[in-house]
Amino acid sequence: SLPRSLNRLMDSSDDHVPLALLDMKGFDPKEVTLTVKDGKVKVSAEHEEEQSTTSGKEYNYRKFTKEINLPQGVSEDEVTYSL
């Protein structure tokens, strides 16, 4: 279950404390960008799908953006992430 997997993630992270856990389902890791600047972590992703149908082409477009303030005392150089 999700709560158990999150607990395992937190327990196995040594001294690292997750700032955020984001559900990026539907996005390929190559479509996700993370930047750390001015005391903020910005996560953004864009995904586009093209499908041919009997009446032509359909496009599905998704965009995700989230900004998170770094806690006081956390250096921008300390931020790591994984997908």
C-alpha atoms as a PDB file:
ATOM      1  CA  SER A   1       0.000   0.000   0.000  1.00  0.00           C
ATOM      2  CA  LEU A   2       1.065   3.597  -0.541  1.00  0.00           C
ATOM      3  CA  PRO A   3       1.383   4.557   3.158  1.00  0.00           C
ATOM      4  CA  ARG A   4       3.630   1.550   3.810  1.00  0.00           C
ATOM      5  CA  SER A   5       5.835   2.319   0.807  1.00  0.00           C
ATOM      6  CA  LEU A   6       6.155   5.954   1.913  1.00  0.00           C
ATOM      7  CA  ASN A   7       7.174   4.828   5.400  1.00  0.00           C
ATOM      8  CA  ARG A   8       9.803   2.511   3.907  1.00  0.00           C
ATOM      9  CA  LEU A   9      11.078   5.392   1.789  1.00  0.00           C
ATOM     10  CA  MET A  10      11.353   7.653   4.815  1.00  0.00           C
ATOM     11  CA  ASP A  11      12.954   4.949   6.985  1.00  0.00           C
ATOM     12  CA  SER A  12      15.526   4.051   4.334  1.00  0.00           C
ATOM     13  CA  SER A  13      16.588   7.611   3.599  1.00  0.00           C
ATOM     14  CA  ASP A  14      19.277   7.745   6.342  1.00  0.00           C
ATOM     15  CA  ASP A  15      19.480  11.351   7.488  1.00  0.00           C
ATOM     16  CA  HIS A  16      17.646  12.711   4.447  1.00  0.00           C
ATOM     17  CA  VAL A  17      14.164  14.030   5.061  1.00  0.00           C
ATOM     18  CA  PRO A  18      11.798  14.176   2.075  1.00  0.00           C
ATOM     19  CA  LEU A  19      10.654  17.704   1.357  1.00  0.00           C
ATOM     20  CA  ALA A  20       7.902  16.416  -0.916  1.00  0.00           C
ATOM     21  CA  LEU A  21       6.629  13.269  -2.571  1.00  0.00           C
ATOM     22  CA  LEU A  22       4.904  13.997  -5.880  1.00  0.00           C
ATOM     23  CA  ASP A  23       2.859  11.637  -8.023  1.00  0.00           C
ATOM     24  CA  MET A  24       4.258  12.015 -11.532  1.00  0.00           C
ATOM     25  CA  LYS A  25       2.241   9.159 -13.021  1.00  0.00           C
ATOM     26  CA  GLY A  26       1.764   9.626 -16.746  1.00  0.00           C
ATOM     27  CA  PHE A  27       5.028  11.517 -17.215  1.00  0.00           C
ATOM     28  CA  ASP A  28       8.206   9.962 -18.568  1.00  0.00           C
ATOM     29  CA  PRO A  29      11.265  10.808 -16.412  1.00  0.00           C
ATOM     30  CA  LYS A  30      12.719  12.620 -19.457  1.00  0.00           C
ATOM     31  CA  GLU A  31       9.723  14.970 -19.364  1.00  0.00           C
ATOM     32  CA  VAL A  32      10.324  16.049 -15.749  1.00  0.00           C
ATOM     33  CA  THR A  33      12.535  19.036 -14.898  1.00  0.00           C
ATOM     34  CA  LEU A  34      13.654  20.050 -11.422  1.00  0.00           C
ATOM     35  CA  THR A  35      15.392  23.333 -10.632  1.00  0.00           C
ATOM     36  CA  VAL A  36      16.561  24.806  -7.348  1.00  0.00           C
ATOM     37  CA  LYS A  37      16.844  28.585  -7.276  1.00  0.00           C
ATOM     38  CA  ASP A  38      16.193  31.464  -4.879  1.00  0.00           C
ATOM     39  CA  GLY A  39      15.307  29.133  -2.001  1.00  0.00           C
ATOM     40  CA  LYS A  40      12.677  27.242  -3.990  1.00  0.00           C
ATOM     41  CA  VAL A  41      12.454  23.850  -5.648  1.00  0.00           C
ATOM     42  CA  LYS A  42      10.488  23.944  -8.882  1.00  0.00           C
ATOM     43  CA  VAL A  43       9.225  20.734 -10.472  1.00  0.00           C
ATOM     44  CA  SER A  44       7.698  20.911 -13.921  1.00  0.00           C
ATOM     45  CA  ALA A  45       6.680  18.379 -16.533  1.00  0.00           C
ATOM     46  CA  GLU A  46       4.976  18.372 -19.908  1.00  0.00           C
ATOM     47  CA  HIS A  47       3.524  15.431 -21.816  1.00  0.00           C
ATOM     48  CA  GLU A  48       1.879  15.309 -25.220  1.00  0.00           C
ATOM     49  CA  GLU A  49       0.285  12.308 -26.922  1.00  0.00           C
ATOM     50  CA  GLU A  50      -0.981  12.073 -30.469  1.00  0.00           C
ATOM     51  CA  GLN A  51      -3.553   9.469 -31.459  1.00  0.00           C
ATOM     52  CA  SER A  52      -5.009   8.758 -34.857  1.00  0.00           C
ATOM     53  CA  THR A  53      -8.735   8.151 -34.896  1.00  0.00           C
ATOM     54  CA  THR A  54     -11.261   7.492 -37.642  1.00  0.00           C
ATOM     55  CA  SER A  55     -12.144  11.196 -37.621  1.00  0.00           C
ATOM     56  CA  GLY A  56      -8.567  12.506 -37.622  1.00  0.00           C
ATOM     57  CA  LYS A  57      -5.957  13.074 -34.959  1.00  0.00           C
ATOM     58  CA  GLU A  58      -6.503  13.734 -31.262  1.00  0.00           C
ATOM     59  CA  TYR A  59      -3.980  15.307 -28.949  1.00  0.00           C
ATOM     60  CA  ASN A  60      -3.684  14.889 -25.207  1.00  0.00           C
ATOM     61  CA  TYR A  61      -1.542  17.493 -23.451  1.00  0.00           C
ATOM     62  CA  ARG A  62      -0.664  17.593 -19.746  1.00  0.00           C
ATOM     63  CA  LYS A  63       1.401  20.142 -17.871  1.00  0.00           C
ATOM     64  CA  PHE A  64       2.421  20.040 -14.211  1.00  0.00           C
ATOM     65  CA  THR A  65       4.211  22.729 -12.179  1.00  0.00           C
ATOM     66  CA  LYS A  66       4.859  22.874  -8.448  1.00  0.00           C
ATOM     67  CA  GLU A  67       7.063  25.218  -6.418  1.00  0.00           C
ATOM     68  CA  ILE A  68       8.149  24.334  -2.912  1.00  0.00           C
ATOM     69  CA  ASN A  69       9.947  26.658  -0.506  1.00  0.00           C
ATOM     70  CA  LEU A  70      13.077  25.183   1.022  1.00  0.00           C
ATOM     71  CA  PRO A  71      12.955  25.009   4.812  1.00  0.00           C
ATOM     72  CA  GLN A  72      15.076  27.545   6.626  1.00  0.00           C
ATOM     73  CA  GLY A  73      18.662  26.352   7.015  1.00  0.00           C
ATOM     74  CA  VAL A  74      18.587  24.001   3.998  1.00  0.00           C
ATOM     75  CA  SER A  75      21.177  24.856   1.369  1.00  0.00           C
ATOM     76  CA  GLU A  76      20.232  24.668  -2.301  1.00  0.00           C
ATOM     77  CA  ASP A  77      23.322  22.491  -2.799  1.00  0.00           C
ATOM     78  CA  GLU A  78      21.874  19.839  -0.448  1.00  0.00           C
ATOM     79  CA  VAL A  79      18.770  19.170  -2.548  1.00  0.00           C
ATOM     80  CA  THR A  80      18.620  15.786  -4.288  1.00  0.00           C
ATOM     81  CA  TYR A  81      15.799  14.041  -6.051  1.00  0.00           C
ATOM     82  CA  SER A  82      14.878  10.738  -7.616  1.00  0.00           C
ATOM     83  CA  LEU A  83      12.139   9.546  -9.909  1.00  0.00           C
END
